[in-house]
Amino acid sequence: MTSRPPAPPLPKPQHPAVAARAVSDAAHVAAYIWARPLDPARHGRAVSQLYSVLRDLGIATRGLARYQMTDMPADPVSPDFPRHVDASARWLLNTCESLDGVLAAEDLGSLPDPDEPGAALCRAARNAILAWRQPSGTSVDRDITVRRFITATGFLSAATLGLATYAPRRRVIDLHAVCAGLAEVTAYLTAAIQAPAEDASPGHGTEPAQPTAAGNELPDDGDRHSAGPGGTA
């Protein structure tokens, strides 16, 4: 009897900040492409991919809330970091449920081109689950990770608005609800990395209820802000 070959080892998780940058970059490209008219099939697939991304980022962010700092920062840090980041995770999970009746991208049956912007965004969000499962690093690493994640939520909002521009009326309402949820995510993430003297819960919303369903080197902190995905870091 021949023995089976051993299973290949799991890939090493990305550094948390690298994973956040990957999500931001992928969301940037998706926002650029989804701002253009899409045929009905591609538009429906993009909305399903958005659903999956929001869900997976919600799962990943639960881990990010448990970030373990390996240094004693010189400047004061917010003691409410876990609470604010956990609130942002709940907003992400609740927000994906705003897309009423949408199937997750992996449930559509047919596989999209792996280089399609939505597919790349789904991969980046799924990779963040592993990268943020037991995150640790310096306080600077932690804050870089969150700032990049904030940049990513901005691009996700832009991508969602692009889809809303050409969506059927009923779906437009759902997509605008997603944008409102992402604004809450951004507000809580911003509060998470503010110094205690400035730290406050976002005033324009409340924490959501618990949902019912639910390269590894660290580059410098130059996030993209240009209009198209060809911007440089």
C-alpha atoms as a PDB file:
ATOM      1  CA  MET A   1       0.000   0.000   0.000  1.00  0.00           C
ATOM      2  CA  THR A   2       1.394   3.375  -1.015  1.00  0.00           C
ATOM      3  CA  SER A   3       1.190   6.200   1.485  1.00  0.00           C
ATOM      4  CA  ARG A   4      -0.357   9.487   0.542  1.00  0.00           C
ATOM      5  CA  PRO A   5       1.982  12.444   0.151  1.00  0.00           C
ATOM      6  CA  PRO A   6       1.802  14.927   3.030  1.00  0.00           C
ATOM      7  CA  ALA A   7      -0.453  17.908   2.608  1.00  0.00           C
ATOM      8  CA  PRO A   8       1.366  21.073   1.571  1.00  0.00           C
ATOM      9  CA  PRO A   9       1.983  23.503   4.440  1.00  0.00           C
ATOM     10  CA  LEU A  10      -0.387  26.415   4.833  1.00  0.00           C
ATOM     11  CA  PRO A  11       0.987  29.711   3.541  1.00  0.00           C
ATOM     12  CA  LYS A  12       2.527  31.967   6.142  1.00  0.00           C
ATOM     13  CA  PRO A  13       0.114  34.737   7.127  1.00  0.00           C
ATOM     14  CA  GLN A  14       0.911  38.192   5.854  1.00  0.00           C
ATOM     15  CA  HIS A  15       2.026  40.867   8.271  1.00  0.00           C
ATOM     16  CA  PRO A  16      -1.180  42.616   9.460  1.00  0.00           C
ATOM     17  CA  ALA A  17      -0.187  45.934   7.867  1.00  0.00           C
ATOM     18  CA  VAL A  18       0.696  44.209   4.593  1.00  0.00           C
ATOM     19  CA  ALA A  19      -2.712  42.513   4.548  1.00  0.00           C
ATOM     20  CA  ALA A  20      -4.398  45.866   5.194  1.00  0.00           C
ATOM     21  CA  ARG A  21      -2.445  47.417   2.316  1.00  0.00           C
ATOM     22  CA  ALA A  22      -3.493  44.558   0.028  1.00  0.00           C
ATOM     23  CA  VAL A  23      -7.163  45.162   0.870  1.00  0.00           C
ATOM     24  CA  SER A  24      -6.734  48.888   0.260  1.00  0.00           C
ATOM     25  CA  ASP A  25      -5.009  48.373  -3.096  1.00  0.00           C
ATOM     26  CA  ALA A  26      -7.612  45.851  -4.269  1.00  0.00           C
ATOM     27  CA  ALA A  27     -10.483  48.092  -3.154  1.00  0.00           C
ATOM     28  CA  HIS A  28      -8.855  51.002  -5.011  1.00  0.00           C
ATOM     29  CA  VAL A  29      -8.844  49.055  -8.278  1.00  0.00           C
ATOM     30  CA  ALA A  30     -12.406  47.806  -7.733  1.00  0.00           C
ATOM     31  CA  ALA A  31     -13.603  51.369  -7.113  1.00  0.00           C
ATOM     32  CA  TYR A  32     -12.002  52.500 -10.352  1.00  0.00           C
ATOM     33  CA  ILE A  33     -13.556  49.681 -12.405  1.00  0.00           C
ATOM     34  CA  TRP A  34     -16.982  49.630 -10.737  1.00  0.00           C
ATOM     35  CA  ALA A  35     -17.424  53.346 -11.411  1.00  0.00           C
ATOM     36  CA  ARG A  36     -17.995  52.365 -15.048  1.00  0.00           C
ATOM     37  CA  PRO A  37     -21.150  50.781 -16.500  1.00  0.00           C
ATOM     38  CA  LEU A  38     -21.180  46.983 -16.150  1.00  0.00           C
ATOM     39  CA  ASP A  39     -23.425  44.528 -17.960  1.00  0.00           C
ATOM     40  CA  PRO A  40     -26.154  43.047 -15.711  1.00  0.00           C
ATOM     41  CA  ALA A  41     -24.294  39.775 -15.101  1.00  0.00           C
ATOM     42  CA  ARG A  42     -21.052  41.501 -14.117  1.00  0.00           C
ATOM     43  CA  HIS A  43     -22.906  44.020 -11.984  1.00  0.00           C
ATOM     44  CA  GLY A  44     -24.711  41.258 -10.107  1.00  0.00           C
ATOM     45  CA  ARG A  45     -21.434  39.405  -9.592  1.00  0.00           C
ATOM     46  CA  ALA A  46     -19.771  42.578  -8.309  1.00  0.00           C
ATOM     47  CA  VAL A  47     -22.549  43.072  -5.732  1.00  0.00           C
ATOM     48  CA  SER A  48     -22.088  39.459  -4.590  1.00  0.00           C
ATOM     49  CA  GLN A  49     -18.347  40.058  -4.308  1.00  0.00           C
ATOM     50  CA  LEU A  50     -19.005  43.171  -2.235  1.00  0.00           C
ATOM     51  CA  TYR A  51     -21.180  41.091   0.097  1.00  0.00           C
ATOM     52  CA  SER A  52     -18.396  38.527   0.557  1.00  0.00           C
ATOM     53  CA  VAL A  53     -15.776  41.212   1.140  1.00  0.00           C
ATOM     54  CA  LEU A  54     -17.824  42.946   3.833  1.00  0.00           C
ATOM     55  CA  ARG A  55     -18.505  39.631   5.565  1.00  0.00           C
ATOM     56  CA  ASP A  56     -14.878  38.477   5.464  1.00  0.00           C
ATOM     57  CA  LEU A  57     -13.557  41.845   6.623  1.00  0.00           C
ATOM     58  CA  GLY A  58     -16.017  41.729   9.506  1.00  0.00           C
ATOM     59  CA  ILE A  59     -14.648  38.334  10.528  1.00  0.00           C
ATOM     60  CA  ALA A  60     -11.054  39.538  10.100  1.00  0.00           C
ATOM     61  CA  THR A  61     -11.646  42.709  12.103  1.00  0.00           C
ATOM     62  CA  ARG A  62     -12.769  40.707  15.120  1.00  0.00           C
ATOM     63  CA  GLY A  63      -9.203  39.385  15.253  1.00  0.00           C
ATOM     64  CA  LEU A  64      -7.703  42.837  14.715  1.00  0.00           C
ATOM     65  CA  ALA A  65      -9.490  43.991  17.874  1.00  0.00           C
ATOM     66  CA  ARG A  66      -7.199  41.640  19.845  1.00  0.00           C
ATOM     67  CA  TYR A  67      -3.972  43.189  18.510  1.00  0.00           C
ATOM     68  CA  GLN A  68      -1.122  42.521  20.960  1.00  0.00           C
ATOM     69  CA  MET A  69       1.438  45.318  21.151  1.00  0.00           C
ATOM     70  CA  THR A  70       5.041  44.214  21.665  1.00  0.00           C
ATOM     71  CA  ASP A  71       6.353  47.567  22.878  1.00  0.00           C
ATOM     72  CA  MET A  72       5.566  50.288  25.383  1.00  0.00           C
ATOM     73  CA  PRO A  73       4.634  53.295  23.221  1.00  0.00           C
ATOM     74  CA  ALA A  74       6.027  56.658  24.230  1.00  0.00           C
ATOM     75  CA  ASP A  75       2.763  58.438  23.422  1.00  0.00           C
ATOM     76  CA  PRO A  76      -0.525  57.560  25.134  1.00  0.00           C
ATOM     77  CA  VAL A  77      -2.803  55.162  23.271  1.00  0.00           C
ATOM     78  CA  SER A  78      -6.531  54.675  23.480  1.00  0.00           C
ATOM     79  CA  PRO A  79      -7.546  52.073  26.077  1.00  0.00           C
ATOM     80  CA  ASP A  80     -10.749  51.617  24.074  1.00  0.00           C
ATOM     81  CA  PHE A  81      -8.972  50.235  20.990  1.00  0.00           C
ATOM     82  CA  PRO A  82     -10.519  46.741  21.351  1.00  0.00           C
ATOM     83  CA  ARG A  83     -14.019  48.121  21.890  1.00  0.00           C
ATOM     84  CA  HIS A  84     -13.894  50.499  18.926  1.00  0.00           C
ATOM     85  CA  VAL A  85     -12.418  47.921  16.551  1.00  0.00           C
ATOM     86  CA  ASP A  86     -14.908  45.288  17.686  1.00  0.00           C
ATOM     87  CA  ALA A  87     -17.717  47.783  17.012  1.00  0.00           C
ATOM     88  CA  SER A  88     -16.364  48.306  13.492  1.00  0.00           C
ATOM     89  CA  ALA A  89     -16.392  44.525  13.001  1.00  0.00           C
ATOM     90  CA  ARG A  90     -20.047  44.366  13.991  1.00  0.00           C
ATOM     91  CA  TRP A  91     -20.865  47.193  11.612  1.00  0.00           C
ATOM     92  CA  LEU A  92     -19.178  45.333   8.754  1.00  0.00           C
ATOM     93  CA  LEU A  93     -21.096  42.139   9.492  1.00  0.00           C
ATOM     94  CA  ASN A  94     -24.409  43.983   9.827  1.00  0.00           C
ATOM     95  CA  THR A  95     -23.695  46.044   6.719  1.00  0.00           C
ATOM     96  CA  CYS A  96     -23.266  43.012   4.480  1.00  0.00           C
ATOM     97  CA  GLU A  97     -26.771  41.969   5.562  1.00  0.00           C
ATOM     98  CA  SER A  98     -28.052  45.224   4.037  1.00  0.00           C
ATOM     99  CA  LEU A  99     -27.613  43.528   0.665  1.00  0.00           C
ATOM    100  CA  ASP A 100     -30.954  41.749   0.904  1.00  0.00           C
ATOM    101  CA  GLY A 101     -31.188  38.530  -1.085  1.00  0.00           C
ATOM    102  CA  VAL A 102     -27.622  38.691  -2.413  1.00  0.00           C
ATOM    103  CA  LEU A 103     -25.685  35.431  -2.690  1.00  0.00           C
ATOM    104  CA  ALA A 104     -22.089  35.377  -1.526  1.00  0.00           C
ATOM    105  CA  ALA A 105     -19.608  35.339  -4.406  1.00  0.00           C
ATOM    106  CA  GLU A 106     -18.543  31.761  -3.667  1.00  0.00           C
ATOM    107  CA  ASP A 107     -22.175  30.579  -3.993  1.00  0.00           C
ATOM    108  CA  LEU A 108     -22.649  31.815  -7.552  1.00  0.00           C
ATOM    109  CA  GLY A 109     -21.401  28.573  -9.113  1.00  0.00           C
ATOM    110  CA  SER A 110     -19.328  29.931 -11.994  1.00  0.00           C
ATOM    111  CA  LEU A 111     -15.802  31.079 -11.177  1.00  0.00           C
ATOM    112  CA  PRO A 112     -14.840  34.584 -12.344  1.00  0.00           C
ATOM    113  CA  ASP A 113     -11.531  35.501 -13.901  1.00  0.00           C
ATOM    114  CA  PRO A 114      -9.107  35.435 -10.932  1.00  0.00           C
ATOM    115  CA  ASP A 115      -7.659  38.739 -12.129  1.00  0.00           C
ATOM    116  CA  GLU A 116     -11.066  40.419 -12.116  1.00  0.00           C
ATOM    117  CA  PRO A 117     -11.017  43.325  -9.631  1.00  0.00           C
ATOM    118  CA  GLY A 118     -13.832  41.892  -7.508  1.00  0.00           C
ATOM    119  CA  ALA A 119     -12.167  38.472  -7.337  1.00  0.00           C
ATOM    120  CA  ALA A 120      -8.862  40.059  -6.294  1.00  0.00           C
ATOM    121  CA  LEU A 121     -10.686  42.062  -3.623  1.00  0.00           C
ATOM    122  CA  CYS A 122     -12.335  38.882  -2.299  1.00  0.00           C
ATOM    123  CA  ARG A 123      -8.914  37.201  -2.034  1.00  0.00           C
ATOM    124  CA  ALA A 124      -7.421  40.146  -0.165  1.00  0.00           C
ATOM    125  CA  ALA A 125     -10.309  40.195   2.311  1.00  0.00           C
ATOM    126  CA  ARG A 126     -10.081  36.438   2.838  1.00  0.00           C
ATOM    127  CA  ASN A 127      -6.303  36.669   3.389  1.00  0.00           C
ATOM    128  CA  ALA A 128      -6.902  39.322   6.050  1.00  0.00           C
ATOM    129  CA  ILE A 129      -8.809  36.759   8.138  1.00  0.00           C
ATOM    130  CA  LEU A 130      -5.633  34.705   8.570  1.00  0.00           C
ATOM    131  CA  ALA A 131      -3.334  37.729   8.839  1.00  0.00           C
ATOM    132  CA  TRP A 132      -5.435  39.311  11.591  1.00  0.00           C
ATOM    133  CA  ARG A 133      -6.318  36.166  13.518  1.00  0.00           C
ATOM    134  CA  GLN A 134      -3.586  36.618  16.155  1.00  0.00           C
ATOM    135  CA  PRO A 135      -2.009  39.962  15.245  1.00  0.00           C
ATOM    136  CA  SER A 136       0.947  41.374  17.135  1.00  0.00           C
ATOM    137  CA  GLY A 137       3.552  44.057  16.599  1.00  0.00           C
ATOM    138  CA  THR A 138       4.640  47.460  17.746  1.00  0.00           C
ATOM    139  CA  SER A 139       2.191  50.252  18.430  1.00  0.00           C
ATOM    140  CA  VAL A 140       3.384  51.891  15.214  1.00  0.00           C
ATOM    141  CA  ASP A 141       2.659  48.686  13.262  1.00  0.00           C
ATOM    142  CA  ARG A 142      -0.802  48.526  14.799  1.00  0.00           C
ATOM    143  CA  ASP A 143      -1.664  52.097  13.900  1.00  0.00           C
ATOM    144  CA  ILE A 144      -0.307  51.719  10.362  1.00  0.00           C
ATOM    145  CA  THR A 145      -2.528  48.653   9.940  1.00  0.00           C
ATOM    146  CA  VAL A 146      -5.618  50.540  11.095  1.00  0.00           C
ATOM    147  CA  ARG A 147      -4.839  53.623   8.990  1.00  0.00           C
ATOM    148  CA  ARG A 148      -4.492  51.445   5.908  1.00  0.00           C
ATOM    149  CA  PHE A 149      -7.750  49.741   6.788  1.00  0.00           C
ATOM    150  CA  ILE A 150      -9.407  53.163   7.063  1.00  0.00           C
ATOM    151  CA  THR A 151      -8.096  53.963   3.576  1.00  0.00           C
ATOM    152  CA  ALA A 152      -9.548  50.657   2.375  1.00  0.00           C
ATOM    153  CA  THR A 153     -12.992  51.481   3.765  1.00  0.00           C
ATOM    154  CA  GLY A 154     -12.897  54.756   1.847  1.00  0.00           C
ATOM    155  CA  PHE A 155     -12.197  52.913  -1.380  1.00  0.00           C
ATOM    156  CA  LEU A 156     -14.929  50.379  -0.537  1.00  0.00           C
ATOM    157  CA  SER A 157     -17.379  53.258  -0.127  1.00  0.00           C
ATOM    158  CA  ALA A 158     -16.337  54.649  -3.513  1.00  0.00           C
ATOM    159  CA  ALA A 159     -16.697  51.203  -5.086  1.00  0.00           C
ATOM    160  CA  THR A 160     -20.165  50.829  -3.567  1.00  0.00           C
ATOM    161  CA  LEU A 161     -21.268  54.224  -4.879  1.00  0.00           C
ATOM    162  CA  GLY A 162     -20.024  53.225  -8.316  1.00  0.00           C
ATOM    163  CA  LEU A 163     -22.220  50.119  -8.238  1.00  0.00           C
ATOM    164  CA  ALA A 164     -25.173  52.188  -6.985  1.00  0.00           C
ATOM    165  CA  THR A 165     -24.923  54.513  -9.991  1.00  0.00           C
ATOM    166  CA  TYR A 166     -26.015  51.780 -12.401  1.00  0.00           C
ATOM    167  CA  ALA A 167     -28.045  49.554 -10.064  1.00  0.00           C
ATOM    168  CA  PRO A 168     -31.797  48.841 -10.139  1.00  0.00           C
ATOM    169  CA  ARG A 169     -33.799  51.107  -7.833  1.00  0.00           C
ATOM    170  CA  ARG A 170     -34.272  48.547  -5.046  1.00  0.00           C
ATOM    171  CA  ARG A 171     -30.577  47.697  -5.032  1.00  0.00           C
ATOM    172  CA  VAL A 172     -29.634  51.386  -4.959  1.00  0.00           C
ATOM    173  CA  ILE A 173     -31.277  51.667  -1.537  1.00  0.00           C
ATOM    174  CA  ASP A 174     -29.309  48.642  -0.287  1.00  0.00           C
ATOM    175  CA  LEU A 175     -26.023  49.999  -1.610  1.00  0.00           C
ATOM    176  CA  HIS A 176     -26.545  53.384   0.018  1.00  0.00           C
ATOM    177  CA  ALA A 177     -27.187  51.536   3.287  1.00  0.00           C
ATOM    178  CA  VAL A 178     -23.806  49.849   2.788  1.00  0.00           C
ATOM    179  CA  CYS A 179     -22.160  53.259   2.395  1.00  0.00           C
ATOM    180  CA  ALA A 180     -23.780  54.447   5.615  1.00  0.00           C
ATOM    181  CA  GLY A 181     -22.477  51.357   7.413  1.00  0.00           C
ATOM    182  CA  LEU A 182     -18.978  51.892   6.051  1.00  0.00           C
ATOM    183  CA  ALA A 183     -19.055  55.461   7.379  1.00  0.00           C
ATOM    184  CA  GLU A 184     -19.659  54.018  10.848  1.00  0.00           C
ATOM    185  CA  VAL A 185     -16.800  51.535  10.359  1.00  0.00           C
ATOM    186  CA  THR A 186     -14.466  54.392   9.445  1.00  0.00           C
ATOM    187  CA  ALA A 187     -15.580  56.445  12.446  1.00  0.00           C
ATOM    188  CA  TYR A 188     -14.917  53.631  14.918  1.00  0.00           C
ATOM    189  CA  LEU A 189     -11.554  52.753  13.378  1.00  0.00           C
ATOM    190  CA  THR A 190     -10.533  56.403  13.563  1.00  0.00           C
ATOM    191  CA  ALA A 191     -11.538  56.575  17.223  1.00  0.00           C
ATOM    192  CA  ALA A 192      -9.550  53.397  17.918  1.00  0.00           C
ATOM    193  CA  ILE A 193      -6.186  55.015  17.149  1.00  0.00           C
ATOM    194  CA  GLN A 194      -6.785  58.458  18.600  1.00  0.00           C
ATOM    195  CA  ALA A 195      -4.957  59.506  21.774  1.00  0.00           C
ATOM    196  CA  PRO A 196      -7.074  59.300  24.953  1.00  0.00           C
ATOM    197  CA  ALA A 197      -7.494  63.089  25.206  1.00  0.00           C
ATOM    198  CA  GLU A 198      -9.189  63.065  21.814  1.00  0.00           C
ATOM    199  CA  ASP A 199     -10.795  59.659  22.095  1.00  0.00           C
ATOM    200  CA  ALA A 200     -14.573  59.527  21.897  1.00  0.00           C
ATOM    201  CA  SER A 201     -17.176  57.197  20.468  1.00  0.00           C
ATOM    202  CA  PRO A 202     -18.425  58.378  17.087  1.00  0.00           C
ATOM    203  CA  GLY A 203     -21.325  60.727  17.703  1.00  0.00           C
ATOM    204  CA  HIS A 204     -23.344  60.142  14.557  1.00  0.00           C
ATOM    205  CA  GLY A 205     -24.359  56.544  15.214  1.00  0.00           C
ATOM    206  CA  THR A 206     -24.607  53.807  17.791  1.00  0.00           C
ATOM    207  CA  GLU A 207     -22.842  50.503  18.093  1.00  0.00           C
ATOM    208  CA  PRO A 208     -24.805  47.871  16.182  1.00  0.00           C
ATOM    209  CA  ALA A 209     -26.327  44.831  17.774  1.00  0.00           C
ATOM    210  CA  GLN A 210     -24.546  41.501  17.423  1.00  0.00           C
ATOM    211  CA  PRO A 211     -25.439  40.193  13.929  1.00  0.00           C
ATOM    212  CA  THR A 212     -27.489  37.077  13.608  1.00  0.00           C
ATOM    213  CA  ALA A 213     -25.574  35.817  10.611  1.00  0.00           C
ATOM    214  CA  ALA A 214     -22.650  36.137  10.050  1.00  0.00           C
ATOM    215  CA  GLY A 215       5.219  39.653   0.650  1.00  0.00           C
ATOM    216  CA  ASN A 216       5.492  39.878   4.517  1.00  0.00           C
ATOM    217  CA  GLU A 217       7.926  42.735   4.970  1.00  0.00           C
ATOM    218  CA  LEU A 218       6.439  45.916   6.331  1.00  0.00           C
ATOM    219  CA  PRO A 219       6.647  48.688   3.715  1.00  0.00           C
ATOM    220  CA  ASP A 220       6.547  52.348   4.591  1.00  0.00           C
ATOM    221  CA  ASP A 221       3.230  53.941   5.420  1.00  0.00           C
ATOM    222  CA  GLY A 222       2.415  55.606   2.111  1.00  0.00           C
ATOM    223  CA  ASP A 223      -1.177  54.815   1.264  1.00  0.00           C
ATOM    224  CA  ARG A 224      -2.687  55.568  -2.104  1.00  0.00           C
ATOM    225  CA  HIS A 225      -4.993  58.544  -2.497  1.00  0.00           C
ATOM    226  CA  SER A 226      -4.951  59.215  -6.244  1.00  0.00           C
ATOM    227  CA  ALA A 227      -8.095  58.976  -8.365  1.00  0.00           C
ATOM    228  CA  GLY A 228      -7.049  55.961 -10.424  1.00  0.00           C
ATOM    229  CA  PRO A 229      -5.473  52.676  -9.382  1.00  0.00           C
ATOM    230  CA  GLY A 230      -2.196  53.559 -11.022  1.00  0.00           C
ATOM    231  CA  GLY A 231      -1.154  55.844  -8.159  1.00  0.00           C
ATOM    232  CA  THR A 232       2.067  55.153  -6.383  1.00  0.00           C
ATOM    233  CA  ALA A 233       2.688  54.526  -2.709  1.00  0.00           C
END
